[in-house]
């Protein structure tokens, strides 16, 4: 039986190929996740991205939205619903969470109101409370961070992509900047009498 022996000049190439092949085969799901930390899921991250050292502040609900304080914004795709953010509710917490009250109005005039948080760093949202009749908040039953649905018909994705976030950072130094972002929308018409 003949034994194949590589010439000494080939040994460095063989050693390199062995190392490269071993490196490719040893990758695990957790390695991929940690190497993609902070990356949005559609760029290469896996599922919900964890942020080291994140500690959420205690949340107090703002005053219930008044129509005079609503800023209308346009989704990335046409919708029969109208979408608003209450300018008085927008805040940037010390935990770097943008919080706001969202108001969605149907063509029949029915309203859905929620108080939410948005994390630019991890592309996540959380619903803290829902509006009920009489202009009051009721705490959300299953309040937890969830991945934002990257869809042109999702209002949270529009807020994340077009108004509140700049990749992983907040798109402004303070609340006034975020309000200016909303008002600067070329489709925005805050004097619209039909709102």
Foldseek 3Di string as FASTA:
>chain_A
DDDDDDDPVCVVVVVVVVVVVVVVVPDDLVNQQVVCAQAEVVVRHDFFHDDPPQDDDDDDADFFADLLQWWWADFLDDDQKTKTWRLVFWWQDPSRKTWTKIWIAHPVGDIKIWIKIAQLSGQWMWTQWTADPPRDTDGDPDTDIHHQDCDSPGVSNCCNPQAAHDRRHGQDDTSVRSVVSRVPHPPIDSVPPVD
